[in-house]
Each structure stands twice: as C-alpha cells, then as structure tokens.
Amino acid sequence: MPNIKSVMKDVVKSRKNHLRNVSAKSAMKTFIKKAKAAIDSGNEAQAETVRKAVSFIDKTAERGIIHRNAAARRKSRLMKRAAKAAKA
C-alpha cells in the first residue's frame, strides 16, 4: 500500500473505476448475447434488441471502457449476423 496520500486516493479511485468498467463490459456482453439469440431465433423484436446492443456498445466505447475499434468490430459482426439472418 502506498504511503503518499494522493497515491492512496488514486488507488481507491482506480478500484472504483475497475468495478464500474467490469460491470459495463459484462452488461455489454449480455446485450450482445440477447441480440444474437434474437437474431438466431428469428424473433420479431430482433431489430430492437440489435439497436439496443449497438447503442450500449457505442456508450462503452465513448466512456473509454473499450477501444473504439473494438466497438466497431463488435457492431460490425453483430450487424453482419443480422443481415445474414434477414437475407435467409
């Protein structure tokens, strides 16, 4: 544990941020799983779940929790899957 007061505060802050980031990543993955399940089942609410997932991916990238290229990759794969399902 650090001895300097400001560094102690930084440690506390980084732990809080870490918990927030882990929670946000988990929520994002859940949204993606739900969207994939809706796409695969051919659910009528497919477009809505995909839109929510894409929105949440954008929010996590905007907050700096994931890299913007990683967000673009995830969205691209999801949209590609949705387009393939719509075509079939």
N, C-alpha and C. Protein backbone atom coordinates (compact mmCIF):
# COMPACT_ATOMS: atom_id res chain seq x y z
N MET A 1 0.85 -1.18 0.00
CA MET A 1 0.00 0.00 0.00
C MET A 1 0.89 1.24 0.00
N PRO A 2 0.52 2.24 -0.79
CA PRO A 2 1.34 3.45 -0.85
C PRO A 2 1.26 4.29 0.44
N ASN A 3 2.28 5.09 0.62
CA ASN A 3 2.34 5.96 1.80
C ASN A 3 1.85 7.37 1.52
N ILE A 4 1.91 7.77 0.27
CA ILE A 4 1.54 9.14 -0.10
C ILE A 4 0.02 9.24 -0.23
N LYS A 5 -0.53 10.28 0.37
CA LYS A 5 -1.98 10.42 0.45
C LYS A 5 -2.65 10.48 -0.93
N SER A 6 -2.09 11.24 -1.84
CA SER A 6 -2.69 11.36 -3.17
C SER A 6 -2.66 10.03 -3.93
N VAL A 7 -1.61 9.26 -3.73
CA VAL A 7 -1.50 7.96 -4.38
C VAL A 7 -2.51 6.98 -3.78
N MET A 8 -2.74 7.09 -2.48
CA MET A 8 -3.76 6.26 -1.84
C MET A 8 -5.13 6.54 -2.44
N LYS A 9 -5.40 7.84 -2.66
CA LYS A 9 -6.67 8.24 -3.27
C LYS A 9 -6.77 7.69 -4.70
N ASP A 10 -5.65 7.73 -5.42
CA ASP A 10 -5.63 7.19 -6.78
C ASP A 10 -5.94 5.70 -6.80
N VAL A 11 -5.42 4.98 -5.83
CA VAL A 11 -5.67 3.53 -5.74
C VAL A 11 -7.16 3.27 -5.52
N VAL A 12 -7.75 4.03 -4.62
CA VAL A 12 -9.19 3.88 -4.34
C VAL A 12 -10.00 4.19 -5.59
N LYS A 13 -9.63 5.27 -6.26
CA LYS A 13 -10.34 5.68 -7.47
C LYS A 13 -10.20 4.64 -8.58
N SER A 14 -9.01 4.10 -8.74
CA SER A 14 -8.81 3.11 -9.81
C SER A 14 -9.58 1.82 -9.52
N ARG A 15 -9.72 1.47 -8.26
CA ARG A 15 -10.51 0.28 -7.91
C ARG A 15 -11.99 0.50 -8.21
N LYS A 16 -12.49 1.70 -7.90
CA LYS A 16 -13.88 2.03 -8.22
C LYS A 16 -14.11 1.99 -9.72
N ASN A 17 -13.18 2.60 -10.47
CA ASN A 17 -13.29 2.62 -11.93
C ASN A 17 -13.24 1.21 -12.50
N HIS A 18 -12.38 0.38 -11.93
CA HIS A 18 -12.26 -1.00 -12.39
C HIS A 18 -13.59 -1.74 -12.22
N LEU A 19 -14.21 -1.58 -11.06
CA LEU A 19 -15.51 -2.23 -10.82
C LEU A 19 -16.56 -1.73 -11.80
N ARG A 20 -16.56 -0.42 -12.04
CA ARG A 20 -17.51 0.15 -13.00
C ARG A 20 -17.27 -0.39 -14.40
N ASN A 21 -16.00 -0.48 -14.79
CA ASN A 21 -15.66 -0.95 -16.12
C ASN A 21 -16.03 -2.42 -16.30
N VAL A 22 -15.75 -3.23 -15.29
CA VAL A 22 -16.08 -4.66 -15.36
C VAL A 22 -17.59 -4.83 -15.49
N SER A 23 -18.33 -4.06 -14.72
CA SER A 23 -19.79 -4.13 -14.76
C SER A 23 -20.32 -3.72 -16.14
N ALA A 24 -19.77 -2.66 -16.70
CA ALA A 24 -20.22 -2.17 -18.01
C ALA A 24 -19.89 -3.18 -19.11
N LYS A 25 -18.71 -3.79 -19.05
CA LYS A 25 -18.34 -4.80 -20.04
C LYS A 25 -19.26 -6.00 -19.96
N SER A 26 -19.58 -6.40 -18.74
CA SER A 26 -20.48 -7.53 -18.54
C SER A 26 -21.87 -7.23 -19.11
N ALA A 27 -22.36 -6.03 -18.84
CA ALA A 27 -23.67 -5.63 -19.35
C ALA A 27 -23.67 -5.59 -20.87
N MET A 28 -22.58 -5.09 -21.44
CA MET A 28 -22.46 -5.03 -22.90
C MET A 28 -22.51 -6.43 -23.49
N LYS A 29 -21.77 -7.36 -22.88
CA LYS A 29 -21.76 -8.74 -23.38
C LYS A 29 -23.14 -9.36 -23.28
N THR A 30 -23.88 -9.03 -22.23
CA THR A 30 -25.24 -9.54 -22.06
C THR A 30 -26.15 -9.02 -23.17
N PHE A 31 -26.04 -7.72 -23.47
CA PHE A 31 -26.82 -7.15 -24.56
C PHE A 31 -26.51 -7.85 -25.89
N ILE A 32 -25.23 -8.11 -26.12
CA ILE A 32 -24.82 -8.78 -27.36
C ILE A 32 -25.38 -10.19 -27.42
N LYS A 33 -25.32 -10.92 -26.31
CA LYS A 33 -25.87 -12.28 -26.27
C LYS A 33 -27.36 -12.28 -26.55
N LYS A 34 -28.08 -11.33 -25.96
CA LYS A 34 -29.52 -11.24 -26.19
C LYS A 34 -29.82 -10.93 -27.65
N ALA A 35 -29.03 -10.04 -28.24
CA ALA A 35 -29.23 -9.69 -29.65
C ALA A 35 -28.95 -10.89 -30.54
N LYS A 36 -27.88 -11.63 -30.26
CA LYS A 36 -27.56 -12.82 -31.05
C LYS A 36 -28.66 -13.87 -30.93
N ALA A 37 -29.18 -14.04 -29.72
CA ALA A 37 -30.26 -15.01 -29.51
C ALA A 37 -31.51 -14.60 -30.29
N ALA A 38 -31.81 -13.30 -30.29
CA ALA A 38 -32.97 -12.81 -31.03
C ALA A 38 -32.79 -13.00 -32.53
N ILE A 39 -31.58 -12.78 -33.02
CA ILE A 39 -31.28 -12.95 -34.43
C ILE A 39 -31.43 -14.42 -34.83
N ASP A 40 -30.86 -15.30 -34.02
CA ASP A 40 -30.88 -16.73 -34.34
C ASP A 40 -32.29 -17.33 -34.27
N SER A 41 -33.10 -16.81 -33.35
CA SER A 41 -34.46 -17.34 -33.21
C SER A 41 -35.42 -16.73 -34.23
N GLY A 42 -34.99 -15.69 -34.90
CA GLY A 42 -35.86 -15.02 -35.86
C GLY A 42 -36.97 -14.25 -35.18
N ASN A 43 -36.69 -13.78 -33.99
CA ASN A 43 -37.66 -13.04 -33.18
C ASN A 43 -38.07 -11.74 -33.88
N GLU A 44 -39.33 -11.36 -33.71
CA GLU A 44 -39.83 -10.13 -34.34
C GLU A 44 -39.20 -8.88 -33.73
N ALA A 45 -38.78 -8.98 -32.48
CA ALA A 45 -38.15 -7.83 -31.80
C ALA A 45 -36.65 -7.81 -32.04
N GLN A 46 -36.22 -8.49 -33.07
CA GLN A 46 -34.79 -8.61 -33.39
C GLN A 46 -34.15 -7.24 -33.62
N ALA A 47 -34.79 -6.40 -34.41
CA ALA A 47 -34.22 -5.09 -34.74
C ALA A 47 -34.04 -4.25 -33.48
N GLU A 48 -35.01 -4.33 -32.58
CA GLU A 48 -34.95 -3.54 -31.34
C GLU A 48 -33.79 -3.99 -30.46
N THR A 49 -33.61 -5.31 -30.30
CA THR A 49 -32.53 -5.80 -29.45
C THR A 49 -31.17 -5.49 -30.06
N VAL A 50 -31.07 -5.58 -31.37
CA VAL A 50 -29.80 -5.24 -32.04
C VAL A 50 -29.51 -3.75 -31.85
N ARG A 51 -30.53 -2.93 -31.98
CA ARG A 51 -30.34 -1.48 -31.82
C ARG A 51 -29.88 -1.14 -30.41
N LYS A 52 -30.47 -1.80 -29.40
CA LYS A 52 -30.07 -1.57 -28.02
C LYS A 52 -28.62 -2.01 -27.79
N ALA A 53 -28.25 -3.15 -28.36
CA ALA A 53 -26.89 -3.66 -28.20
C ALA A 53 -25.88 -2.70 -28.83
N VAL A 54 -26.18 -2.24 -30.03
CA VAL A 54 -25.29 -1.31 -30.72
C VAL A 54 -25.16 -0.01 -29.93
N SER A 55 -26.27 0.46 -29.39
CA SER A 55 -26.25 1.68 -28.59
C SER A 55 -25.37 1.51 -27.35
N PHE A 56 -25.50 0.37 -26.70
CA PHE A 56 -24.71 0.13 -25.49
C PHE A 56 -23.22 -0.02 -25.83
N ILE A 57 -22.92 -0.65 -26.95
CA ILE A 57 -21.52 -0.78 -27.39
C ILE A 57 -20.94 0.61 -27.62
N ASP A 58 -21.70 1.48 -28.27
CA ASP A 58 -21.25 2.86 -28.50
C ASP A 58 -20.98 3.59 -27.19
N LYS A 59 -21.87 3.40 -26.22
CA LYS A 59 -21.70 4.07 -24.93
C LYS A 59 -20.44 3.61 -24.21
N THR A 60 -20.16 2.31 -24.24
CA THR A 60 -18.96 1.81 -23.56
C THR A 60 -17.70 2.34 -24.24
N ALA A 61 -17.74 2.45 -25.57
CA ALA A 61 -16.58 3.00 -26.29
C ALA A 61 -16.42 4.49 -25.99
N GLU A 62 -17.52 5.19 -25.91
CA GLU A 62 -17.48 6.63 -25.65
C GLU A 62 -16.90 6.92 -24.26
N ARG A 63 -17.20 6.05 -23.30
CA ARG A 63 -16.68 6.22 -21.95
C ARG A 63 -15.23 5.76 -21.82
N GLY A 64 -14.72 5.14 -22.86
CA GLY A 64 -13.33 4.68 -22.83
C GLY A 64 -13.15 3.32 -22.17
N ILE A 65 -14.23 2.59 -22.01
CA ILE A 65 -14.15 1.28 -21.37
C ILE A 65 -13.60 0.25 -22.35
N ILE A 66 -14.01 0.36 -23.61
CA ILE A 66 -13.41 -0.46 -24.67
C ILE A 66 -12.89 0.49 -25.75
N HIS A 67 -11.97 0.02 -26.54
CA HIS A 67 -11.39 0.83 -27.61
C HIS A 67 -12.43 1.03 -28.71
N ARG A 68 -12.35 2.15 -29.40
CA ARG A 68 -13.35 2.44 -30.44
C ARG A 68 -13.29 1.44 -31.59
N ASN A 69 -12.10 0.93 -31.89
CA ASN A 69 -12.00 -0.08 -32.95
C ASN A 69 -12.62 -1.40 -32.51
N ALA A 70 -12.49 -1.72 -31.23
CA ALA A 70 -13.12 -2.93 -30.70
C ALA A 70 -14.65 -2.79 -30.76
N ALA A 71 -15.14 -1.60 -30.48
CA ALA A 71 -16.58 -1.35 -30.56
C ALA A 71 -17.05 -1.49 -32.00
N ALA A 72 -16.29 -0.94 -32.92
CA ALA A 72 -16.65 -1.04 -34.34
C ALA A 72 -16.66 -2.50 -34.80
N ARG A 73 -15.70 -3.26 -34.34
CA ARG A 73 -15.63 -4.68 -34.70
C ARG A 73 -16.84 -5.44 -34.17
N ARG A 74 -17.19 -5.19 -32.93
CA ARG A 74 -18.34 -5.88 -32.32
C ARG A 74 -19.63 -5.52 -33.05
N LYS A 75 -19.80 -4.23 -33.34
CA LYS A 75 -21.01 -3.79 -34.05
C LYS A 75 -21.06 -4.39 -35.44
N SER A 76 -19.93 -4.41 -36.11
CA SER A 76 -19.87 -4.94 -37.46
C SER A 76 -20.27 -6.41 -37.50
N ARG A 77 -19.74 -7.18 -36.58
CA ARG A 77 -20.05 -8.61 -36.52
C ARG A 77 -21.53 -8.84 -36.22
N LEU A 78 -22.07 -8.02 -35.34
CA LEU A 78 -23.48 -8.15 -34.98
C LEU A 78 -24.39 -7.79 -36.17
N MET A 79 -24.07 -6.70 -36.85
CA MET A 79 -24.87 -6.27 -37.99
C MET A 79 -24.75 -7.26 -39.15
N LYS A 80 -23.56 -7.83 -39.32
CA LYS A 80 -23.33 -8.81 -40.36
C LYS A 80 -24.21 -10.04 -40.12
N ARG A 81 -24.27 -10.45 -38.85
CA ARG A 81 -25.08 -11.60 -38.46
C ARG A 81 -26.57 -11.32 -38.69
N ALA A 82 -26.99 -10.10 -38.35
CA ALA A 82 -28.40 -9.71 -38.52
C ALA A 82 -28.77 -9.67 -40.01
N ALA A 83 -27.87 -9.15 -40.83
CA ALA A 83 -28.13 -9.06 -42.27
C ALA A 83 -28.21 -10.46 -42.88
N LYS A 84 -27.36 -11.33 -42.43
CA LYS A 84 -27.35 -12.71 -42.93
C LYS A 84 -28.66 -13.42 -42.57
N ALA A 85 -29.14 -13.19 -41.35
CA ALA A 85 -30.40 -13.80 -40.90
C ALA A 85 -31.59 -13.22 -41.65
N ALA A 86 -31.54 -11.91 -41.94
CA ALA A 86 -32.64 -11.27 -42.66
C ALA A 86 -32.71 -11.75 -44.09
N LYS A 87 -31.56 -12.03 -44.65
CA LYS A 87 -31.48 -12.49 -46.03
C LYS A 87 -32.05 -13.90 -46.18
N ALA A 88 -31.80 -14.72 -45.16
CA ALA A 88 -32.24 -16.13 -45.23
C ALA A 88 -33.71 -16.30 -44.93
